[in-house]
C-alpha atoms as a PDB file:
ATOM      1  CA  MET A   1       5.180   9.791  -9.998  1.00  0.00           C
ATOM      2  CA  ALA A   2       3.556  10.697 -13.119  1.00  0.00           C
ATOM      3  CA  ALA A   3       0.753  10.017 -15.569  1.00  0.00           C
ATOM      4  CA  ASP A   4       2.456   7.341 -18.517  1.00  0.00           C
ATOM      5  CA  VAL A   5       1.069   6.542 -21.827  1.00  0.00           C
ATOM      6  CA  ARG A   6      -1.434   4.046 -20.626  1.00  0.00           C
ATOM      7  CA  PRO A   7      -4.602   3.835 -21.784  1.00  0.00           C
ATOM      8  CA  ARG A   8      -7.628   4.391 -18.913  1.00  0.00           C
ATOM      9  CA  ARG A   9     -11.143   5.333 -20.816  1.00  0.00           C
ATOM     10  CA  SER A  10     -12.639   3.033 -18.722  1.00  0.00           C
ATOM     11  CA  MET A  11     -12.375   2.219 -15.223  1.00  0.00           C
ATOM     12  CA  LEU A  12     -14.923   0.378 -13.604  1.00  0.00           C
ATOM     13  CA  TYR A  13     -16.113  -0.156 -10.180  1.00  0.00           C
ATOM     14  CA  MET A  14     -16.999  -4.029  -8.692  1.00  0.00           C
ATOM     15  CA  PRO A  15     -17.589  -4.633  -5.138  1.00  0.00           C
ATOM     16  CA  GLY A  16     -16.075  -6.536  -3.543  1.00  0.00           C
ATOM     17  CA  SER A  17     -17.850  -8.959  -1.996  1.00  0.00           C
ATOM     18  CA  ASN A  18     -18.797 -10.556  -5.253  1.00  0.00           C
ATOM     19  CA  PRO A  19     -16.878 -13.032  -5.905  1.00  0.00           C
ATOM     20  CA  ARG A  20     -18.598 -13.793  -9.433  1.00  0.00           C
ATOM     21  CA  ALA A  21     -17.989  -9.946 -10.521  1.00  0.00           C
ATOM     22  CA  LEU A  22     -14.045 -10.374  -9.671  1.00  0.00           C
ATOM     23  CA  GLU A  23     -13.740 -13.414 -12.416  1.00  0.00           C
ATOM     24  CA  LYS A  24     -16.043 -11.574 -14.839  1.00  0.00           C
ATOM     25  CA  GLY A  25     -13.327  -8.442 -14.370  1.00  0.00           C
ATOM     26  CA  ARG A  26     -10.811 -10.710 -15.824  1.00  0.00           C
ATOM     27  CA  SER A  27     -12.844 -10.815 -19.094  1.00  0.00           C
ATOM     28  CA  LEU A  28     -14.141  -7.396 -19.536  1.00  0.00           C
ATOM     29  CA  PRO A  29     -12.823  -4.885 -21.997  1.00  0.00           C
ATOM     30  CA  ALA A  30     -12.470  -1.878 -19.401  1.00  0.00           C
ATOM     31  CA  ASP A  31      -8.671  -0.727 -18.981  1.00  0.00           C
ATOM     32  CA  ALA A  32      -8.963  -0.583 -14.158  1.00  0.00           C
ATOM     33  CA  LEU A  33     -10.818  -1.796 -12.572  1.00  0.00           C
ATOM     34  CA  ILE A  34     -11.562  -0.688  -8.943  1.00  0.00           C
ATOM     35  CA  LEU A  35     -11.893  -4.059  -6.276  1.00  0.00           C
ATOM     36  CA  ASP A  36     -13.517  -1.370  -3.573  1.00  0.00           C
ATOM     37  CA  LEU A  37     -14.109  -2.801  -0.250  1.00  0.00           C
ATOM     38  CA  GLU A  38     -16.131   0.606   0.166  1.00  0.00           C
ATOM     39  CA  ASP A  39     -19.351   1.376  -0.932  1.00  0.00           C
ATOM     40  CA  ALA A  40     -20.187  -1.840  -3.143  1.00  0.00           C
ATOM     41  CA  VAL A  41     -19.743  -4.148   0.679  1.00  0.00           C
ATOM     42  CA  ALA A  42     -21.647  -3.307   3.587  1.00  0.00           C
ATOM     43  CA  PRO A  43     -20.678  -3.338   7.787  1.00  0.00           C
ATOM     44  CA  ASP A  44     -20.657  -6.646   8.149  1.00  0.00           C
ATOM     45  CA  ALA A  45     -19.152  -7.352   5.525  1.00  0.00           C
ATOM     46  CA  LYS A  46     -16.444  -6.055   4.475  1.00  0.00           C
ATOM     47  CA  GLU A  47     -13.696  -8.562   5.782  1.00  0.00           C
ATOM     48  CA  ALA A  48     -14.952 -11.236   4.103  1.00  0.00           C
ATOM     49  CA  ALA A  49     -14.642  -8.837   0.812  1.00  0.00           C
ATOM     50  CA  ARG A  50     -10.962  -7.822   1.650  1.00  0.00           C
ATOM     51  CA  ALA A  51      -9.866 -11.852   1.960  1.00  0.00           C
ATOM     52  CA  GLU A  52     -11.929 -12.338  -1.380  1.00  0.00           C
ATOM     53  CA  ILE A  53      -9.620  -9.339  -3.036  1.00  0.00           C
ATOM     54  CA  VAL A  54      -6.114 -10.815  -1.209  1.00  0.00           C
ATOM     55  CA  ASN A  55      -6.819 -13.814  -2.704  1.00  0.00           C
ATOM     56  CA  ALA A  56      -8.795 -12.921  -6.907  1.00  0.00           C
ATOM     57  CA  LEU A  57      -5.720 -10.665  -6.950  1.00  0.00           C
ATOM     58  CA  GLY A  58      -3.431 -13.853  -6.050  1.00  0.00           C
ATOM     59  CA  ARG A  59      -4.506 -16.086  -9.056  1.00  0.00           C
ATOM     60  CA  GLY A  60      -4.045 -12.868 -11.150  1.00  0.00           C
ATOM     61  CA  GLY A  61      -5.244 -13.307 -14.710  1.00  0.00           C
ATOM     62  CA  TYR A  62      -6.180  -9.433 -15.218  1.00  0.00           C
ATOM     63  CA  ALA A  63      -3.352  -7.861 -16.696  1.00  0.00           C
ATOM     64  CA  PRO A  64      -3.047  -5.609 -19.327  1.00  0.00           C
ATOM     65  CA  ARG A  65      -5.640  -4.187 -17.273  1.00  0.00           C
ATOM     66  CA  GLU A  66      -4.590  -2.368 -15.312  1.00  0.00           C
ATOM     67  CA  VAL A  67      -6.219  -2.896 -11.656  1.00  0.00           C
ATOM     68  CA  LEU A  68      -6.577   0.087  -8.699  1.00  0.00           C
ATOM     69  CA  VAL A  69      -8.084  -1.755  -4.958  1.00  0.00           C
ATOM     70  CA  ARG A  70     -10.655   1.483  -3.014  1.00  0.00           C
ATOM     71  CA  ILE A  71      -9.319   0.976   0.487  1.00  0.00           C
ATOM     72  CA  ASN A  72     -12.254   1.848   3.890  1.00  0.00           C
ATOM     73  CA  GLY A  73     -10.965   5.044   5.306  1.00  0.00           C
ATOM     74  CA  LEU A  74      -7.258   5.301   6.671  1.00  0.00           C
ATOM     75  CA  GLU A  75     -10.223   6.889   9.693  1.00  0.00           C
ATOM     76  CA  THR A  76     -12.288   4.049   9.805  1.00  0.00           C
ATOM     77  CA  ARG A  77     -12.396   0.076  11.858  1.00  0.00           C
ATOM     78  CA  TRP A  78     -11.335  -1.157   8.779  1.00  0.00           C
ATOM     79  CA  GLY A  79      -8.733   1.186   7.019  1.00  0.00           C
ATOM     80  CA  ARG A  80      -5.434   0.052   8.356  1.00  0.00           C
ATOM     81  CA  ALA A  81      -6.118  -3.713   8.031  1.00  0.00           C
ATOM     82  CA  ASP A  82      -7.254  -3.011   4.299  1.00  0.00           C
ATOM     83  CA  LEU A  83      -4.870  -0.689   3.948  1.00  0.00           C
ATOM     84  CA  ALA A  84      -2.109  -3.316   4.648  1.00  0.00           C
ATOM     85  CA  ALA A  85      -3.841  -6.476   2.968  1.00  0.00           C
ATOM     86  CA  MET A  86      -3.350  -4.259  -0.387  1.00  0.00           C
ATOM     87  CA  ALA A  87      -0.194  -3.205   0.538  1.00  0.00           C
ATOM     88  CA  THR A  88       1.694  -6.917  -1.237  1.00  0.00           C
ATOM     89  CA  ALA A  89      -1.620  -8.388  -2.208  1.00  0.00           C
ATOM     90  CA  GLY A  90      -0.589  -7.505  -6.355  1.00  0.00           C
ATOM     91  CA  ALA A  91      -2.666  -4.207  -6.951  1.00  0.00           C
ATOM     92  CA  ASP A  92      -1.672  -1.590  -9.795  1.00  0.00           C
ATOM     93  CA  ALA A  93      -2.274   1.154  -6.725  1.00  0.00           C
ATOM     94  CA  VAL A  94      -5.122   1.698  -3.838  1.00  0.00           C
ATOM     95  CA  LEU A  95      -7.488   3.907  -4.144  1.00  0.00           C
ATOM     96  CA  LEU A  96      -8.039   6.957  -1.279  1.00  0.00           C
ATOM     97  CA  PRO A  97     -12.386   7.578  -0.195  1.00  0.00           C
ATOM     98  CA  LYS A  98     -13.069  11.009   0.238  1.00  0.00           C
ATOM     99  CA  VAL A  99      -9.108  13.138   0.103  1.00  0.00           C
ATOM    100  CA  GLU A 100      -9.586  16.193   1.981  1.00  0.00           C
ATOM    101  CA  SER A 101      -5.578  16.720   2.558  1.00  0.00           C
ATOM    102  CA  ALA A 102      -2.228  16.099   2.480  1.00  0.00           C
ATOM    103  CA  ASP A 103      -1.595  14.600   5.085  1.00  0.00           C
ATOM    104  CA  GLN A 104      -3.480  11.723   4.500  1.00  0.00           C
ATOM    105  CA  VAL A 105      -1.779  10.757   0.974  1.00  0.00           C
ATOM    106  CA  ARG A 106       1.269  10.746   2.741  1.00  0.00           C
ATOM    107  CA  ALA A 107      -0.468   8.888   6.055  1.00  0.00           C
ATOM    108  CA  ALA A 108      -1.311   6.089   3.651  1.00  0.00           C
ATOM    109  CA  SER A 109       2.109   6.341   1.478  1.00  0.00           C
ATOM    110  CA  ILE A 110       3.774   5.908   5.254  1.00  0.00           C
ATOM    111  CA  ALA A 111       1.731   2.702   5.944  1.00  0.00           C
ATOM    112  CA  LEU A 112       2.190   1.076   2.378  1.00  0.00           C
ATOM    113  CA  ALA A 113       6.304   1.145   2.840  1.00  0.00           C
ATOM    114  CA  ASP A 114       5.455   0.074   6.230  1.00  0.00           C
ATOM    115  CA  ALA A 115       3.805  -3.128   5.309  1.00  0.00           C
ATOM    116  CA  GLY A 116       6.923  -3.475   2.149  1.00  0.00           C
ATOM    117  CA  ALA A 117       4.359  -2.054  -0.686  1.00  0.00           C
ATOM    118  CA  PRO A 118       6.857  -1.807  -3.377  1.00  0.00           C
ATOM    119  CA  GLU A 119       7.601   0.953  -4.873  1.00  0.00           C
ATOM    120  CA  GLY A 120       5.956   0.816  -7.879  1.00  0.00           C
ATOM    121  CA  LEU A 121       2.632   0.542  -5.781  1.00  0.00           C
ATOM    122  CA  ALA A 122       0.160   3.740  -6.329  1.00  0.00           C
ATOM    123  CA  ILE A 123      -2.095   6.071  -4.157  1.00  0.00           C
ATOM    124  CA  TRP A 124      -5.223   7.453  -6.144  1.00  0.00           C
ATOM    125  CA  CYS A 125      -6.701   9.834  -4.393  1.00  0.00           C
ATOM    126  CA  MET A 126     -11.169  10.489  -4.154  1.00  0.00           C
ATOM    127  CA  ILE A 127     -12.041  14.090  -4.547  1.00  0.00           C
ATOM    128  CA  GLU A 128     -15.925  13.882  -3.288  1.00  0.00           C
ATOM    129  CA  THR A 129     -16.300  17.098  -0.993  1.00  0.00           C
ATOM    130  CA  PRO A 130     -15.939  19.588  -0.986  1.00  0.00           C
ATOM    131  CA  LEU A 131     -12.464  20.668   1.176  1.00  0.00           C
ATOM    132  CA  GLY A 132     -11.092  18.039  -1.356  1.00  0.00           C
ATOM    133  CA  VAL A 133     -12.267  19.749  -4.155  1.00  0.00           C
ATOM    134  CA  LEU A 134     -10.612  23.333  -2.964  1.00  0.00           C
ATOM    135  CA  LYS A 135      -7.111  21.245  -1.390  1.00  0.00           C
ATOM    136  CA  VAL A 136      -6.823  19.417  -4.844  1.00  0.00           C
ATOM    137  CA  GLU A 137      -4.150  21.239  -5.234  1.00  0.00           C
ATOM    138  CA  GLU A 138      -1.641  20.248  -2.410  1.00  0.00           C
ATOM    139  CA  ILE A 139      -2.847  16.371  -2.692  1.00  0.00           C
ATOM    140  CA  ALA A 140      -1.776  15.879  -6.038  1.00  0.00           C
ATOM    141  CA  ALA A 141       1.753  17.695  -4.699  1.00  0.00           C
ATOM    142  CA  ALA A 142       1.760  15.407  -1.038  1.00  0.00           C
ATOM    143  CA  ASP A 143       3.646  11.838  -2.352  1.00  0.00           C
ATOM    144  CA  ALA A 144       5.621  10.272  -5.455  1.00  0.00           C
ATOM    145  CA  ARG A 145       3.438   7.242  -5.520  1.00  0.00           C
ATOM    146  CA  LEU A 146       0.717   9.786  -6.241  1.00  0.00           C
ATOM    147  CA  ALA A 147      -0.319   8.919  -9.122  1.00  0.00           C
ATOM    148  CA  GLY A 148      -4.326  10.023 -10.021  1.00  0.00           C
ATOM    149  CA  LEU A 149      -6.975  11.502  -9.198  1.00  0.00           C
ATOM    150  CA  VAL A 150     -10.480  10.052  -9.022  1.00  0.00           C
ATOM    151  CA  MET A 151     -14.217  12.864  -9.366  1.00  0.00           C
ATOM    152  CA  GLY A 152     -16.864  11.419  -6.937  1.00  0.00           C
ATOM    153  CA  THR A 153     -19.590  13.426  -8.405  1.00  0.00           C
ATOM    154  CA  ALA A 154     -22.727  11.818  -6.525  1.00  0.00           C
ATOM    155  CA  ASP A 155     -20.698  12.593  -2.752  1.00  0.00           C
ATOM    156  CA  LEU A 156     -20.139  15.936  -4.844  1.00  0.00           C
ATOM    157  CA  ALA A 157     -23.457  16.570  -5.364  1.00  0.00           C
ATOM    158  CA  ARG A 158     -24.871  15.013  -2.100  1.00  0.00           C
ATOM    159  CA  ALA A 159     -22.826  17.755  -0.047  1.00  0.00           C
ATOM    160  CA  LEU A 160     -23.329  20.501  -2.187  1.00  0.00           C
ATOM    161  CA  HIS A 161     -26.996  20.159  -2.311  1.00  0.00           C
ATOM    162  CA  CYS A 162     -26.827  20.756  -6.047  1.00  0.00           C
ATOM    163  CA  ARG A 163     -28.896  18.405  -9.124  1.00  0.00           C
ATOM    164  CA  HIS A 164     -26.686  16.419 -11.425  1.00  0.00           C
ATOM    165  CA  THR A 165     -27.628  18.368 -14.712  1.00  0.00           C
ATOM    166  CA  ALA A 166     -28.131  17.233 -17.967  1.00  0.00           C
ATOM    167  CA  ASP A 167     -24.447  19.974 -18.576  1.00  0.00           C
ATOM    168  CA  ARG A 168     -23.129  19.687 -15.321  1.00  0.00           C
ATOM    169  CA  ALA A 169     -22.400  23.277 -14.821  1.00  0.00           C
ATOM    170  CA  PRO A 170     -23.011  22.986 -10.751  1.00  0.00           C
ATOM    171  CA  PHE A 171     -20.014  19.936 -11.212  1.00  0.00           C
ATOM    172  CA  LEU A 172     -17.948  22.504 -13.538  1.00  0.00           C
ATOM    173  CA  THR A 173     -15.931  24.669 -11.475  1.00  0.00           C
ATOM    174  CA  SER A 174     -14.531  21.084  -9.296  1.00  0.00           C
ATOM    175  CA  LEU A 175     -14.210  18.777 -12.453  1.00  0.00           C
ATOM    176  CA  SER A 176     -12.217  21.879 -14.087  1.00  0.00           C
ATOM    177  CA  ARG A 177     -10.254  22.498 -11.020  1.00  0.00           C
ATOM    178  CA  VAL A 178      -9.924  18.258 -10.592  1.00  0.00           C
ATOM    179  CA  VAL A 179      -7.673  19.311 -14.336  1.00  0.00           C
ATOM    180  CA  LEU A 180      -5.912  21.784 -13.129  1.00  0.00           C
ATOM    181  CA  ALA A 181      -4.046  20.040 -10.555  1.00  0.00           C
ATOM    182  CA  ALA A 182      -3.650  16.535 -12.205  1.00  0.00           C
ATOM    183  CA  ARG A 183      -2.231  18.383 -14.590  1.00  0.00           C
ATOM    184  CA  ALA A 184       0.525  20.245 -12.895  1.00  0.00           C
ATOM    185  CA  TYR A 185       1.534  17.730 -10.996  1.00  0.00           C
ATOM    186  CA  GLY A 186       1.569  15.002 -13.782  1.00  0.00           C
ATOM    187  CA  LEU A 187      -1.477  13.281 -12.666  1.00  0.00           C
ATOM    188  CA  ALA A 188      -4.162  11.057 -14.738  1.00  0.00           C
ATOM    189  CA  ALA A 189      -7.577  12.552 -13.997  1.00  0.00           C
ATOM    190  CA  ILE A 190     -11.049  10.069 -14.687  1.00  0.00           C
ATOM    191  CA  ASP A 191     -14.579  11.030 -14.934  1.00  0.00           C
ATOM    192  CA  GLY A 192     -16.959  10.845 -12.615  1.00  0.00           C
ATOM    193  CA  VAL A 193     -19.985   7.964 -12.527  1.00  0.00           C
ATOM    194  CA  PHE A 194     -22.997   8.580 -14.989  1.00  0.00           C
ATOM    195  CA  LEU A 195     -25.834   6.764 -12.630  1.00  0.00           C
ATOM    196  CA  ASP A 196     -29.037   6.046 -15.630  1.00  0.00           C
ATOM    197  CA  LEU A 197     -27.713   3.189 -17.230  1.00  0.00           C
ATOM    198  CA  ASP A 198     -30.794   3.650 -19.682  1.00  0.00           C
ATOM    199  CA  ASP A 199     -29.535   6.655 -20.598  1.00  0.00           C
ATOM    200  CA  MET A 200     -27.222   5.992 -23.195  1.00  0.00           C
ATOM    201  CA  ALA A 201     -27.401   8.437 -25.439  1.00  0.00           C
ATOM    202  CA  GLY A 202     -26.278  11.285 -21.812  1.00  0.00           C
ATOM    203  CA  LEU A 203     -23.444   9.350 -21.286  1.00  0.00           C
ATOM    204  CA  GLU A 204     -22.067   9.686 -24.340  1.00  0.00           C
ATOM    205  CA  ALA A 205     -22.676  13.395 -24.507  1.00  0.00           C
ATOM    206  CA  GLU A 206     -21.317  13.263 -20.424  1.00  0.00           C
ATOM    207  CA  CYS A 207     -18.232  11.349 -21.678  1.00  0.00           C
ATOM    208  CA  ARG A 208     -17.015  13.664 -24.325  1.00  0.00           C
ATOM    209  CA  GLN A 209     -17.666  16.572 -22.011  1.00  0.00           C
ATOM    210  CA  GLY A 210     -15.165  15.216 -20.217  1.00  0.00           C
ATOM    211  CA  LEU A 211     -12.613  14.408 -22.669  1.00  0.00           C
ATOM    212  CA  ASP A 212     -13.852  17.339 -23.935  1.00  0.00           C
ATOM    213  CA  LEU A 213     -12.455  19.250 -20.118  1.00  0.00           C
ATOM    214  CA  GLY A 214      -9.084  17.449 -20.251  1.00  0.00           C
ATOM    215  CA  PHE A 215      -9.733  13.874 -18.621  1.00  0.00           C
ATOM    216  CA  ASP A 216      -7.862  10.273 -19.348  1.00  0.00           C
ATOM    217  CA  GLY A 217     -11.414   8.392 -18.836  1.00  0.00           C
ATOM    218  CA  LYS A 218     -14.713   7.784 -17.457  1.00  0.00           C
ATOM    219  CA  SER A 219     -15.242   5.966 -13.890  1.00  0.00           C
ATOM    220  CA  LEU A 220     -18.535   3.303 -14.441  1.00  0.00           C
ATOM    221  CA  PHE A 221     -20.884   0.633 -12.470  1.00  0.00           C
ATOM    222  CA  HIS A 222     -22.009  -0.561 -15.361  1.00  0.00           C
ATOM    223  CA  PRO A 223     -20.351  -3.216 -18.033  1.00  0.00           C
ATOM    224  CA  LYS A 224     -23.080  -2.548 -20.934  1.00  0.00           C
ATOM    225  CA  THR A 225     -21.240   1.127 -20.248  1.00  0.00           C
ATOM    226  CA  ILE A 226     -17.471   0.249 -20.483  1.00  0.00           C
ATOM    227  CA  GLU A 227     -17.662   0.254 -24.887  1.00  0.00           C
ATOM    228  CA  THR A 228     -19.031   3.884 -25.115  1.00  0.00           C
ATOM    229  CA  ALA A 229     -16.108   4.978 -22.539  1.00  0.00           C
ATOM    230  CA  ASN A 230     -14.062   2.970 -24.397  1.00  0.00           C
ATOM    231  CA  HIS A 231     -14.254   4.653 -27.819  1.00  0.00           C
ATOM    232  CA  VAL A 232     -15.017   8.489 -27.126  1.00  0.00           C
ATOM    233  CA  PHE A 233     -12.797   8.747 -24.678  1.00  0.00           C
ATOM    234  CA  GLY A 234     -10.043   6.545 -27.687  1.00  0.00           C
ATOM    235  CA  PRO A 235      -8.350   8.652 -30.600  1.00  0.00           C
ATOM    236  CA  SER A 236     -10.197   8.060 -33.129  1.00  0.00           C
ATOM    237  CA  GLY A 237      -9.276   7.410 -36.683  1.00  0.00           C
ATOM    238  CA  ALA A 238      -9.335  10.950 -38.492  1.00  0.00           C
ATOM    239  CA  GLU A 239      -8.025  12.266 -35.355  1.00  0.00           C
ATOM    240  CA  ILE A 240      -4.813  10.074 -35.404  1.00  0.00           C
ATOM    241  CA  GLU A 241      -4.419  10.953 -39.727  1.00  0.00           C
ATOM    242  CA  GLU A 242      -4.504  14.395 -37.746  1.00  0.00           C
ATOM    243  CA  ALA A 243      -1.749  13.922 -35.456  1.00  0.00           C
ATOM    244  CA  TRP A 244       0.407  12.103 -37.793  1.00  0.00           C
ATOM    245  CA  ALA A 245      -0.203  14.845 -40.474  1.00  0.00           C
ATOM    246  CA  VAL A 246       1.000  17.234 -38.023  1.00  0.00           C
ATOM    247  CA  ILE A 247       3.943  15.568 -37.046  1.00  0.00           C
ATOM    248  CA  ASP A 248       5.380  15.285 -40.755  1.00  0.00           C
ATOM    249  CA  ALA A 249       4.029  19.183 -41.179  1.00  0.00           C
ATOM    250  CA  PHE A 250       5.832  20.302 -38.623  1.00  0.00           C
ATOM    251  CA  LYS A 251       9.309  18.191 -39.972  1.00  0.00           C
ATOM    252  CA  ALA A 252       9.033  19.539 -43.610  1.00  0.00           C
ATOM    253  CA  ALA A 253       9.673  23.058 -41.339  1.00  0.00           C
ATOM    254  CA  GLU A 254      12.384  22.541 -39.356  1.00  0.00           C
ATOM    255  CA  ALA A 255      14.001  21.177 -42.428  1.00  0.00           C
ATOM    256  CA  GLU A 256      13.501  24.576 -44.389  1.00  0.00           C
ATOM    257  CA  GLY A 257      14.871  26.157 -40.635  1.00  0.00           C
ATOM    258  CA  LYS A 258      11.064  27.681 -39.321  1.00  0.00           C
ATOM    259  CA  GLY A 259       9.485  26.863 -36.236  1.00  0.00           C
ATOM    260  CA  VAL A 260       6.165  27.392 -37.018  1.00  0.00           C
ATOM    261  CA  VAL A 261       3.921  25.962 -40.191  1.00  0.00           C
ATOM    262  CA  VAL A 262       0.296  25.971 -40.933  1.00  0.00           C
ATOM    263  CA  LEU A 263      -1.200  23.186 -41.843  1.00  0.00           C
ATOM    264  CA  ASN A 264      -5.373  23.280 -42.813  1.00  0.00           C
ATOM    265  CA  GLY A 265      -5.432  26.830 -41.920  1.00  0.00           C
ATOM    266  CA  LYS A 266      -4.543  26.722 -38.366  1.00  0.00           C
ATOM    267  CA  LEU A 267      -0.473  27.411 -36.564  1.00  0.00           C
ATOM    268  CA  VAL A 268       0.694  24.435 -35.886  1.00  0.00           C
ATOM    269  CA  GLU A 269       4.087  23.995 -32.725  1.00  0.00           C
ATOM    270  CA  ASN A 270       5.629  21.890 -31.295  1.00  0.00           C
ATOM    271  CA  LEU A 271       3.132  21.601 -28.737  1.00  0.00           C
ATOM    272  CA  HIS A 272       1.003  21.257 -31.210  1.00  0.00           C
ATOM    273  CA  VAL A 273       3.786  18.419 -31.885  1.00  0.00           C
ATOM    274  CA  GLU A 274       3.662  17.375 -28.581  1.00  0.00           C
ATOM    275  CA  ASN A 275       0.150  16.429 -27.976  1.00  0.00           C
ATOM    276  CA  ALA A 276       0.615  14.532 -31.938  1.00  0.00           C
ATOM    277  CA  ARG A 277       3.229  11.978 -30.564  1.00  0.00           C
ATOM    278  CA  ARG A 278       1.275  11.650 -27.108  1.00  0.00           C
ATOM    279  CA  LEU A 279      -2.153  10.861 -28.729  1.00  0.00           C
ATOM    280  CA  LEU A 280      -0.152   8.637 -31.414  1.00  0.00           C
ATOM    281  CA  ALA A 281       1.283   6.847 -28.053  1.00  0.00           C
ATOM    282  CA  LEU A 282      -2.251   6.960 -26.514  1.00  0.00           C
ATOM    283  CA  ALA A 283      -3.313   4.821 -30.287  1.00  0.00           C
ATOM    284  CA  GLU A 284      -0.348   2.412 -30.382  1.00  0.00           C
ATOM    285  CA  GLU A 285      -0.792   1.481 -26.486  1.00  0.00           C
ATOM    286  CA  ILE A 286      -4.376   0.494 -27.260  1.00  0.00           C
ATOM    287  CA  GLU A 287      -4.280  -1.183 -30.121  1.00  0.00           C
ATOM    288  CA  ARG A 288      -1.122  -3.127 -28.371  1.00  0.00           C
ATOM    289  CA  ARG A 289      -3.355  -4.203 -25.911  1.00  0.00           C
ATOM    290  CA  ASP A 290      -7.105  -4.448 -28.116  1.00  0.00           C
ATOM    291  CA  GLY A 291      -5.671  -5.918 -30.679  1.00  0.00           C
END
């Protein structure tokens, strides 16, 4: 399932056990919500949380936000029931935690089909362990339902015994491998969470780094961070103007029988035109959704 041109600037985790949070999600400006049954829910509350999410999805009202439900791992005592419940609950996707092999993705896809899931119900994968990073290419190629990869840098840091430095040097290899796999197989790629809610400048810097690395957006755990992620990962006015200039300059060059053109001292080829069109399509979709 190739990634479409869809805004995924901000992807907010929301605890499935909190009905007020599930209700609030309908009004937040996040591009996507991750209704969580895994880390955010205590073991004795998981079944109740599953029912809360099914009920919330049944009531609707989340559009145009993309809604993912992070289930518990299929090896846990809740995972299979989570997957079966979400197959027809009305989410856009299920998010699998701690994926380390293509077999895990295929097993989830088969289970969804057996539970009556529509073809359009996507699978997303959390990449948050060393083995998951090393196996990310085979994971990305695993199944036609697969639509995106989400970095889990908090769990990855624990497994790597590394520090959360400002430049994220310990994560750069892992981050780049995930982006490479996502782009190779037409998937969306979402960066990991920023942990310090009192450091908005740090959040913006990390969002810009994620954008530079090629991520489509940022996963978040608090509504106060949505605005920053939306701003950084959304095309700026200058970028939109430049995209139109690239397209117009290339059209003029083609009319003269040329395959390349120089714009503001920079070489412009067809690949630059493709990127410009993608950016403009993203900007148009953001404008349509945000009004």
